Each structure stands twice: as structure tokens, then as C-alpha cells.
Amino acid sequence: MRQRTAQVVRSPVLAGSHPDPSILRVGADFYLATSTFEWRPGVRLHHSRDLVHWRPLGGALDSTRLLDLTGVPTPAGCGRRT
């Protein structure tokens, strides 16, 4: 019989600011999408096979055309982007 070893996952899984995480599983692969709100890239993507080690894939909304918020109020009414 194979002996199981305990694995400790430290929190946070991703260091830094990665708000609104969403995880999708496709077979043995996990994909994590996090918000960047109004900064490019608009959505950061990461890949993992074990939910512990994450590899950045880049951004889903990576061009100004896809994330043009000119004139839209910023969160909490902190002003306007120009």
C-alpha cells in the first residue's frame, strides 16, 4: 500500500494582489483568473497541475481596445481616468 504524505499549502497561494480569483479545472489542469480592475492586462491568467505551484500565462484583456475605460469613474468614486 502506498503511503500518503501531507502537503502544506501556504496562504496566499499567489503572492501579491490577485483579487476575485476564479478557478477552472480542465482534466488535470487548473486555470486561475484574477481581476486587475482597470489596469492592463484586464484579467491575469495562471496555470497549475497541483493547486500549489502556479505559472503565469499572461493577460486575457491585454490591449487598450479590450479595456478602454476612458471617462469611466474609478472604484469608490476616486476620480476619473484620462
PDB file of N, CA and C in Angstrom:
ATOM      1  N   MET A   1       0.837  -1.187   0.000  1.00  0.00           N
ATOM      2  CA  MET A   1       0.000   0.000   0.000  1.00  0.00           C
ATOM      3  C   MET A   1       0.883   1.252   0.000  1.00  0.00           C
ATOM      4  N   ARG A   2       0.527   2.203  -0.816  1.00  0.00           N
ATOM      5  CA  ARG A   2       1.285   3.444  -0.932  1.00  0.00           C
ATOM      6  C   ARG A   2       0.988   4.373   0.235  1.00  0.00           C
ATOM      7  N   GLN A   3       2.034   4.909   0.846  1.00  0.00           N
ATOM      8  CA  GLN A   3       1.851   5.799   1.984  1.00  0.00           C
ATOM      9  C   GLN A   3       1.627   7.222   1.487  1.00  0.00           C
ATOM     10  N   ARG A   4       0.681   7.889   2.077  1.00  0.00           N
ATOM     11  CA  ARG A   4       0.382   9.270   1.702  1.00  0.00           C
ATOM     12  C   ARG A   4       1.214  10.228   2.533  1.00  0.00           C
ATOM     13  N   THR A   5       1.656  11.295   1.918  1.00  0.00           N
ATOM     14  CA  THR A   5       2.398  12.321   2.641  1.00  0.00           C
ATOM     15  C   THR A   5       1.566  13.598   2.654  1.00  0.00           C
ATOM     16  N   ALA A   6       1.604  14.278   3.755  1.00  0.00           N
ATOM     17  CA  ALA A   6       0.852  15.525   3.888  1.00  0.00           C
ATOM     18  C   ALA A   6       1.568  16.642   3.153  1.00  0.00           C
ATOM     19  N   GLN A   7       0.801  17.469   2.493  1.00  0.00           N
ATOM     20  CA  GLN A   7       1.364  18.613   1.785  1.00  0.00           C
ATOM     21  C   GLN A   7       0.759  19.876   2.370  1.00  0.00           C
ATOM     22  N   VAL A   8       1.589  20.821   2.719  1.00  0.00           N
ATOM     23  CA  VAL A   8       1.127  22.071   3.303  1.00  0.00           C
ATOM     24  C   VAL A   8       1.051  23.130   2.215  1.00  0.00           C
ATOM     25  N   VAL A   9      -0.094  23.777   2.134  1.00  0.00           N
ATOM     26  CA  VAL A   9      -0.285  24.873   1.186  1.00  0.00           C
ATOM     27  C   VAL A   9      -0.300  26.161   1.987  1.00  0.00           C
ATOM     28  N   ARG A  10       0.599  27.042   1.659  1.00  0.00           N
ATOM     29  CA  ARG A  10       0.661  28.324   2.359  1.00  0.00           C
ATOM     30  C   ARG A  10      -0.305  29.310   1.711  1.00  0.00           C
ATOM     31  N   SER A  11      -0.842  30.174   2.536  1.00  0.00           N
ATOM     32  CA  SER A  11      -1.755  31.198   2.047  1.00  0.00           C
ATOM     33  C   SER A  11      -1.060  32.539   2.148  1.00  0.00           C
ATOM     34  N   PRO A  12      -1.125  33.389   1.194  1.00  0.00           N
ATOM     35  CA  PRO A  12      -1.859  33.217  -0.060  1.00  0.00           C
ATOM     36  C   PRO A  12      -1.105  32.309  -1.038  1.00  0.00           C
ATOM     37  N   VAL A  13      -1.848  31.686  -1.906  1.00  0.00           N
ATOM     38  CA  VAL A  13      -1.258  30.801  -2.908  1.00  0.00           C
ATOM     39  C   VAL A  13      -0.428  31.617  -3.892  1.00  0.00           C
ATOM     40  N   LEU A  14      -0.928  32.780  -4.283  1.00  0.00           N
ATOM     41  CA  LEU A  14      -0.183  33.709  -5.139  1.00  0.00           C
ATOM     42  C   LEU A  14       0.193  34.928  -4.310  1.00  0.00           C
ATOM     43  N   ALA A  15       1.465  35.240  -4.268  1.00  0.00           N
ATOM     44  CA  ALA A  15       1.903  36.428  -3.529  1.00  0.00           C
ATOM     45  C   ALA A  15       1.475  37.691  -4.266  1.00  0.00           C
ATOM     46  N   GLY A  16       1.171  38.726  -3.518  1.00  0.00           N
ATOM     47  CA  GLY A  16       0.785  39.986  -4.120  1.00  0.00           C
ATOM     48  C   GLY A  16      -0.724  40.145  -4.152  1.00  0.00           C
ATOM     49  N   SER A  17      -1.173  41.078  -4.945  1.00  0.00           N
ATOM     50  CA  SER A  17      -2.602  41.378  -5.047  1.00  0.00           C
ATOM     51  C   SER A  17      -3.208  40.656  -6.247  1.00  0.00           C
ATOM     52  N   HIS A  18      -4.088  39.716  -5.968  1.00  0.00           N
ATOM     53  CA  HIS A  18      -4.778  38.956  -7.017  1.00  0.00           C
ATOM     54  C   HIS A  18      -6.243  38.806  -6.620  1.00  0.00           C
ATOM     55  N   PRO A  19      -7.036  39.897  -6.728  1.00  0.00           N
ATOM     56  CA  PRO A  19      -8.417  39.871  -6.263  1.00  0.00           C
ATOM     57  C   PRO A  19      -9.354  39.067  -7.166  1.00  0.00           C
ATOM     58  N   ASP A  20     -10.481  38.678  -6.581  1.00  0.00           N
ATOM     59  CA  ASP A  20     -11.568  37.993  -7.284  1.00  0.00           C
ATOM     60  C   ASP A  20     -11.121  36.726  -8.002  1.00  0.00           C
ATOM     61  N   PRO A  21     -10.430  35.808  -7.319  1.00  0.00           N
ATOM     62  CA  PRO A  21      -9.946  34.617  -8.017  1.00  0.00           C
ATOM     63  C   PRO A  21     -11.076  33.684  -8.454  1.00  0.00           C
ATOM     64  N   SER A  22     -10.930  33.143  -9.639  1.00  0.00           N
ATOM     65  CA  SER A  22     -11.839  32.126 -10.166  1.00  0.00           C
ATOM     66  C   SER A  22     -10.988  31.001 -10.714  1.00  0.00           C
ATOM     67  N   ILE A  23     -11.324  29.761 -10.355  1.00  0.00           N
ATOM     68  CA  ILE A  23     -10.550  28.606 -10.792  1.00  0.00           C
ATOM     69  C   ILE A  23     -11.407  27.717 -11.676  1.00  0.00           C
ATOM     70  N   LEU A  24     -10.798  27.240 -12.742  1.00  0.00           N
ATOM     71  CA  LEU A  24     -11.446  26.341 -13.684  1.00  0.00           C
ATOM     72  C   LEU A  24     -10.568  25.106 -13.831  1.00  0.00           C
ATOM     73  N   ARG A  25     -11.177  23.928 -13.797  1.00  0.00           N
ATOM     74  CA  ARG A  25     -10.425  22.690 -13.985  1.00  0.00           C
ATOM     75  C   ARG A  25     -10.766  22.101 -15.349  1.00  0.00           C
ATOM     76  N   VAL A  26      -9.721  21.749 -16.089  1.00  0.00           N
ATOM     77  CA  VAL A  26      -9.867  21.079 -17.382  1.00  0.00           C
ATOM     78  C   VAL A  26      -8.983  19.846 -17.313  1.00  0.00           C
ATOM     79  N   GLY A  27      -9.580  18.679 -17.059  1.00  0.00           N
ATOM     80  CA  GLY A  27      -8.796  17.455 -16.888  1.00  0.00           C
ATOM     81  C   GLY A  27      -7.889  17.584 -15.687  1.00  0.00           C
ATOM     82  N   ALA A  28      -6.588  17.417 -15.883  1.00  0.00           N
ATOM     83  CA  ALA A  28      -5.608  17.515 -14.799  1.00  0.00           C
ATOM     84  C   ALA A  28      -5.078  18.928 -14.618  1.00  0.00           C
ATOM     85  N   ASP A  29      -5.540  19.872 -15.425  1.00  0.00           N
ATOM     86  CA  ASP A  29      -5.037  21.240 -15.391  1.00  0.00           C
ATOM     87  C   ASP A  29      -6.006  22.172 -14.671  1.00  0.00           C
ATOM     88  N   PHE A  30      -5.439  23.116 -13.917  1.00  0.00           N
ATOM     89  CA  PHE A  30      -6.221  24.142 -13.247  1.00  0.00           C
ATOM     90  C   PHE A  30      -5.821  25.496 -13.818  1.00  0.00           C
ATOM     91  N   TYR A  31      -6.800  26.351 -14.043  1.00  0.00           N
ATOM     92  CA  TYR A  31      -6.558  27.699 -14.538  1.00  0.00           C
ATOM     93  C   TYR A  31      -7.173  28.678 -13.551  1.00  0.00           C
ATOM     94  N   LEU A  32      -6.404  29.710 -13.219  1.00  0.00           N
ATOM     95  CA  LEU A  32      -6.834  30.723 -12.268  1.00  0.00           C
ATOM     96  C   LEU A  32      -6.905  32.057 -12.988  1.00  0.00           C
ATOM     97  N   ALA A  33      -8.036  32.733 -12.857  1.00  0.00           N
ATOM     98  CA  ALA A  33      -8.202  34.072 -13.425  1.00  0.00           C
ATOM     99  C   ALA A  33      -8.418  35.040 -12.275  1.00  0.00           C
ATOM    100  N   THR A  34      -7.693  36.159 -12.290  1.00  0.00           N
ATOM    101  CA  THR A  34      -7.854  37.174 -11.254  1.00  0.00           C
ATOM    102  C   THR A  34      -8.078  38.533 -11.897  1.00  0.00           C
ATOM    103  N   SER A  35      -8.781  39.394 -11.177  1.00  0.00           N
ATOM    104  CA  SER A  35      -9.084  40.740 -11.674  1.00  0.00           C
ATOM    105  C   SER A  35      -7.891  41.664 -11.521  1.00  0.00           C
ATOM    106  N   THR A  36      -7.777  42.600 -12.419  1.00  0.00           N
ATOM    107  CA  THR A  36      -6.835  43.696 -12.237  1.00  0.00           C
ATOM    108  C   THR A  36      -7.599  45.010 -12.304  1.00  0.00           C
ATOM    109  N   PHE A  37      -8.920  44.900 -12.276  1.00  0.00           N
ATOM    110  CA  PHE A  37      -9.817  46.033 -12.351  1.00  0.00           C
ATOM    111  C   PHE A  37      -9.539  46.829 -13.618  1.00  0.00           C
ATOM    112  N   GLU A  38      -9.052  48.042 -13.508  1.00  0.00           N
ATOM    113  CA  GLU A  38      -8.914  48.864 -14.708  1.00  0.00           C
ATOM    114  C   GLU A  38      -7.508  48.898 -15.282  1.00  0.00           C
ATOM    115  N   TRP A  39      -6.612  48.090 -14.806  1.00  0.00           N
ATOM    116  CA  TRP A  39      -5.241  48.099 -15.303  1.00  0.00           C
ATOM    117  C   TRP A  39      -5.032  46.968 -16.283  1.00  0.00           C
ATOM    118  N   ARG A  40      -4.198  47.212 -17.279  1.00  0.00           N
ATOM    119  CA  ARG A  40      -3.883  46.153 -18.239  1.00  0.00           C
ATOM    120  C   ARG A  40      -2.806  45.249 -17.692  1.00  0.00           C
ATOM    121  N   PRO A  41      -2.831  43.984 -17.934  1.00  0.00           N
ATOM    122  CA  PRO A  41      -3.922  43.288 -18.610  1.00  0.00           C
ATOM    123  C   PRO A  41      -5.151  43.209 -17.707  1.00  0.00           C
ATOM    124  N   GLY A  42      -6.324  43.224 -18.277  1.00  0.00           N
ATOM    125  CA  GLY A  42      -7.582  43.274 -17.525  1.00  0.00           C
ATOM    126  C   GLY A  42      -7.859  42.052 -16.681  1.00  0.00           C
ATOM    127  N   VAL A  43      -7.426  40.908 -17.084  1.00  0.00           N
ATOM    128  CA  VAL A  43      -7.608  39.666 -16.323  1.00  0.00           C
ATOM    129  C   VAL A  43      -6.314  38.874 -16.432  1.00  0.00           C
ATOM    130  N   ARG A  44      -5.698  38.564 -15.289  1.00  0.00           N
ATOM    131  CA  ARG A  44      -4.466  37.771 -15.294  1.00  0.00           C
ATOM    132  C   ARG A  44      -4.814  36.289 -15.220  1.00  0.00           C
ATOM    133  N   LEU A  45      -4.087  35.476 -15.981  1.00  0.00           N
ATOM    134  CA  LEU A  45      -4.320  34.039 -16.021  1.00  0.00           C
ATOM    135  C   LEU A  45      -3.096  33.290 -15.530  1.00  0.00           C
ATOM    136  N   HIS A  46      -3.326  32.195 -14.785  1.00  0.00           N
ATOM    137  CA  HIS A  46      -2.258  31.339 -14.275  1.00  0.00           C
ATOM    138  C   HIS A  46      -2.646  29.883 -14.500  1.00  0.00           C
ATOM    139  N   HIS A  47      -1.654  29.002 -14.547  1.00  0.00           N
ATOM    140  CA  HIS A  47      -1.878  27.571 -14.751  1.00  0.00           C
ATOM    141  C   HIS A  47      -1.199  26.777 -13.644  1.00  0.00           C
ATOM    142  N   SER A  48      -1.832  25.665 -13.237  1.00  0.00           N
ATOM    143  CA  SER A  48      -1.252  24.779 -12.223  1.00  0.00           C
ATOM    144  C   SER A  48      -1.718  23.349 -12.471  1.00  0.00           C
ATOM    145  N   ARG A  49      -0.917  22.403 -12.028  1.00  0.00           N
ATOM    146  CA  ARG A  49      -1.314  20.996 -12.061  1.00  0.00           C
ATOM    147  C   ARG A  49      -1.611  20.485 -10.646  1.00  0.00           C
ATOM    148  N   ASP A  50      -1.200  21.271  -9.601  1.00  0.00           N
ATOM    149  CA  ASP A  50      -1.343  20.783  -8.231  1.00  0.00           C
ATOM    150  C   ASP A  50      -2.002  21.782  -7.279  1.00  0.00           C
ATOM    151  N   LEU A  51      -2.466  22.912  -7.773  1.00  0.00           N
ATOM    152  CA  LEU A  51      -3.079  23.974  -6.975  1.00  0.00           C
ATOM    153  C   LEU A  51      -2.115  24.627  -5.987  1.00  0.00           C
ATOM    154  N   VAL A  52      -0.830  24.319  -6.095  1.00  0.00           N
ATOM    155  CA  VAL A  52       0.190  24.901  -5.215  1.00  0.00           C
ATOM    156  C   VAL A  52       1.157  25.751  -6.019  1.00  0.00           C
ATOM    157  N   HIS A  53       1.653  25.207  -7.109  1.00  0.00           N
ATOM    158  CA  HIS A  53       2.619  25.897  -7.969  1.00  0.00           C
ATOM    159  C   HIS A  53       1.880  26.472  -9.175  1.00  0.00           C
ATOM    160  N   TRP A  54       1.947  27.785  -9.318  1.00  0.00           N
ATOM    161  CA  TRP A  54       1.225  28.474 -10.387  1.00  0.00           C
ATOM    162  C   TRP A  54       2.199  29.119 -11.356  1.00  0.00           C
ATOM    163  N   ARG A  55       1.911  28.997 -12.632  1.00  0.00           N
ATOM    164  CA  ARG A  55       2.732  29.590 -13.691  1.00  0.00           C
ATOM    165  C   ARG A  55       1.894  30.664 -14.386  1.00  0.00           C
ATOM    166  N   PRO A  56       2.379  31.921 -14.430  1.00  0.00           N
ATOM    167  CA  PRO A  56       1.623  32.974 -15.104  1.00  0.00           C
ATOM    168  C   PRO A  56       1.542  32.719 -16.607  1.00  0.00           C
ATOM    169  N   LEU A  57       0.364  32.930 -17.166  1.00  0.00           N
ATOM    170  CA  LEU A  57       0.146  32.762 -18.602  1.00  0.00           C
ATOM    171  C   LEU A  57       0.031  34.095 -19.330  1.00  0.00           C
ATOM    172  N   GLY A  58      -0.180  35.161 -18.594  1.00  0.00           N
ATOM    173  CA  GLY A  58      -0.356  36.460 -19.226  1.00  0.00           C
ATOM    174  C   GLY A  58      -1.743  36.990 -18.949  1.00  0.00           C
ATOM    175  N   GLY A  59      -2.155  37.935 -19.761  1.00  0.00           N
ATOM    176  CA  GLY A  59      -3.443  38.567 -19.549  1.00  0.00           C
ATOM    177  C   GLY A  59      -4.437  38.266 -20.648  1.00  0.00           C
ATOM    178  N   ALA A  60      -5.707  38.161 -20.265  1.00  0.00           N
ATOM    179  CA  ALA A  60      -6.760  37.891 -21.243  1.00  0.00           C
ATOM    180  C   ALA A  60      -7.178  39.167 -21.967  1.00  0.00           C
ATOM    181  N   LEU A  61      -7.229  40.264 -21.255  1.00  0.00           N
ATOM    182  CA  LEU A  61      -7.598  41.551 -21.860  1.00  0.00           C
ATOM    183  C   LEU A  61      -6.330  42.395 -21.908  1.00  0.00           C
ATOM    184  N   ASP A  62      -5.539  42.210 -22.958  1.00  0.00           N
ATOM    185  CA  ASP A  62      -4.202  42.801 -22.976  1.00  0.00           C
ATOM    186  C   ASP A  62      -4.021  43.964 -23.932  1.00  0.00           C
ATOM    187  N   SER A  63      -5.083  44.432 -24.534  1.00  0.00           N
ATOM    188  CA  SER A  63      -4.939  45.596 -25.415  1.00  0.00           C
ATOM    189  C   SER A  63      -5.887  46.701 -24.972  1.00  0.00           C
ATOM    190  N   THR A  64      -5.538  47.929 -25.275  1.00  0.00           N
ATOM    191  CA  THR A  64      -6.363  49.074 -24.906  1.00  0.00           C
ATOM    192  C   THR A  64      -7.772  48.929 -25.476  1.00  0.00           C
ATOM    193  N   ARG A  65      -7.878  48.387 -26.658  1.00  0.00           N
ATOM    194  CA  ARG A  65      -9.184  48.205 -27.306  1.00  0.00           C
ATOM    195  C   ARG A  65     -10.113  47.347 -26.453  1.00  0.00           C
ATOM    196  N   LEU A  66      -9.567  46.359 -25.765  1.00  0.00           N
ATOM    197  CA  LEU A  66     -10.373  45.457 -24.953  1.00  0.00           C
ATOM    198  C   LEU A  66     -10.668  45.993 -23.558  1.00  0.00           C
ATOM    199  N   LEU A  67      -9.939  47.007 -23.128  1.00  0.00           N
ATOM    200  CA  LEU A  67     -10.087  47.520 -21.771  1.00  0.00           C
ATOM    201  C   LEU A  67      -9.972  49.038 -21.752  1.00  0.00           C
ATOM    202  N   ASP A  68     -10.747  49.690 -22.580  1.00  0.00           N
ATOM    203  CA  ASP A  68     -10.714  51.145 -22.632  1.00  0.00           C
ATOM    204  C   ASP A  68     -11.767  51.701 -21.681  1.00  0.00           C
ATOM    205  N   LEU A  69     -11.312  52.216 -20.544  1.00  0.00           N
ATOM    206  CA  LEU A  69     -12.220  52.772 -19.549  1.00  0.00           C
ATOM    207  C   LEU A  69     -12.100  54.292 -19.454  1.00  0.00           C
ATOM    208  N   THR A  70     -11.685  54.924 -20.524  1.00  0.00           N
ATOM    209  CA  THR A  70     -11.544  56.374 -20.538  1.00  0.00           C
ATOM    210  C   THR A  70     -12.878  57.018 -20.193  1.00  0.00           C
ATOM    211  N   GLY A  71     -12.878  57.891 -19.178  1.00  0.00           N
ATOM    212  CA  GLY A  71     -14.077  58.596 -18.780  1.00  0.00           C
ATOM    213  C   GLY A  71     -14.976  57.837 -17.822  1.00  0.00           C
ATOM    214  N   VAL A  72     -14.634  56.618 -17.473  1.00  0.00           N
ATOM    215  CA  VAL A  72     -15.432  55.838 -16.537  1.00  0.00           C
ATOM    216  C   VAL A  72     -14.925  56.106 -15.123  1.00  0.00           C
ATOM    217  N   PRO A  73     -15.829  56.371 -14.169  1.00  0.00           N
ATOM    218  CA  PRO A  73     -15.366  56.620 -12.798  1.00  0.00           C
ATOM    219  C   PRO A  73     -14.584  55.416 -12.260  1.00  0.00           C
ATOM    220  N   THR A  74     -13.545  55.697 -11.476  1.00  0.00           N
ATOM    221  CA  THR A  74     -12.772  54.622 -10.864  1.00  0.00           C
ATOM    222  C   THR A  74     -13.530  54.060  -9.680  1.00  0.00           C
ATOM    223  N   PRO A  75     -13.120  52.922  -9.140  1.00  0.00           N
ATOM    224  CA  PRO A  75     -13.800  52.349  -7.974  1.00  0.00           C
ATOM    225  C   PRO A  75     -13.859  53.324  -6.818  1.00  0.00           C
ATOM    226  N   ALA A  76     -14.934  53.286  -6.077  1.00  0.00           N
ATOM    227  CA  ALA A  76     -15.152  54.108  -4.879  1.00  0.00           C
ATOM    228  C   ALA A  76     -15.169  55.598  -5.186  1.00  0.00           C
ATOM    229  N   GLY A  77     -15.404  55.984  -6.444  1.00  0.00           N
ATOM    230  CA  GLY A  77     -15.524  57.375  -6.805  1.00  0.00           C
ATOM    231  C   GLY A  77     -14.262  58.177  -6.590  1.00  0.00           C
ATOM    232  N   CYS A  78     -13.115  57.579  -6.804  1.00  0.00           N
ATOM    233  CA  CYS A  78     -11.829  58.249  -6.555  1.00  0.00           C
ATOM    234  C   CYS A  78     -11.395  59.176  -7.682  1.00  0.00           C
ATOM    235  N   GLY A  79     -12.234  59.466  -8.602  1.00  0.00           N
ATOM    236  CA  GLY A  79     -11.858  60.325  -9.704  1.00  0.00           C
ATOM    237  C   GLY A  79     -12.158  59.683 -11.039  1.00  0.00           C
ATOM    238  N   ARG A  80     -11.565  60.202 -12.085  1.00  0.00           N
ATOM    239  CA  ARG A  80     -11.792  59.656 -13.410  1.00  0.00           C
ATOM    240  C   ARG A  80     -10.466  59.390 -14.085  1.00  0.00           C
ATOM    241  N   ARG A  81     -10.451  58.332 -14.895  1.00  0.00           N
ATOM    242  CA  ARG A  81      -9.264  58.035 -15.691  1.00  0.00           C
ATOM    243  C   ARG A  81      -9.230  58.968 -16.880  1.00  0.00           C
ATOM    244  N   THR A  82      -8.052  59.308 -17.309  1.00  0.00           N
ATOM    245  CA  THR A  82      -7.942  60.147 -18.505  1.00  0.00           C
ATOM    246  C   THR A  82      -7.173  59.431 -19.562  1.00  0.00           C
TER     247      THR A  82
END
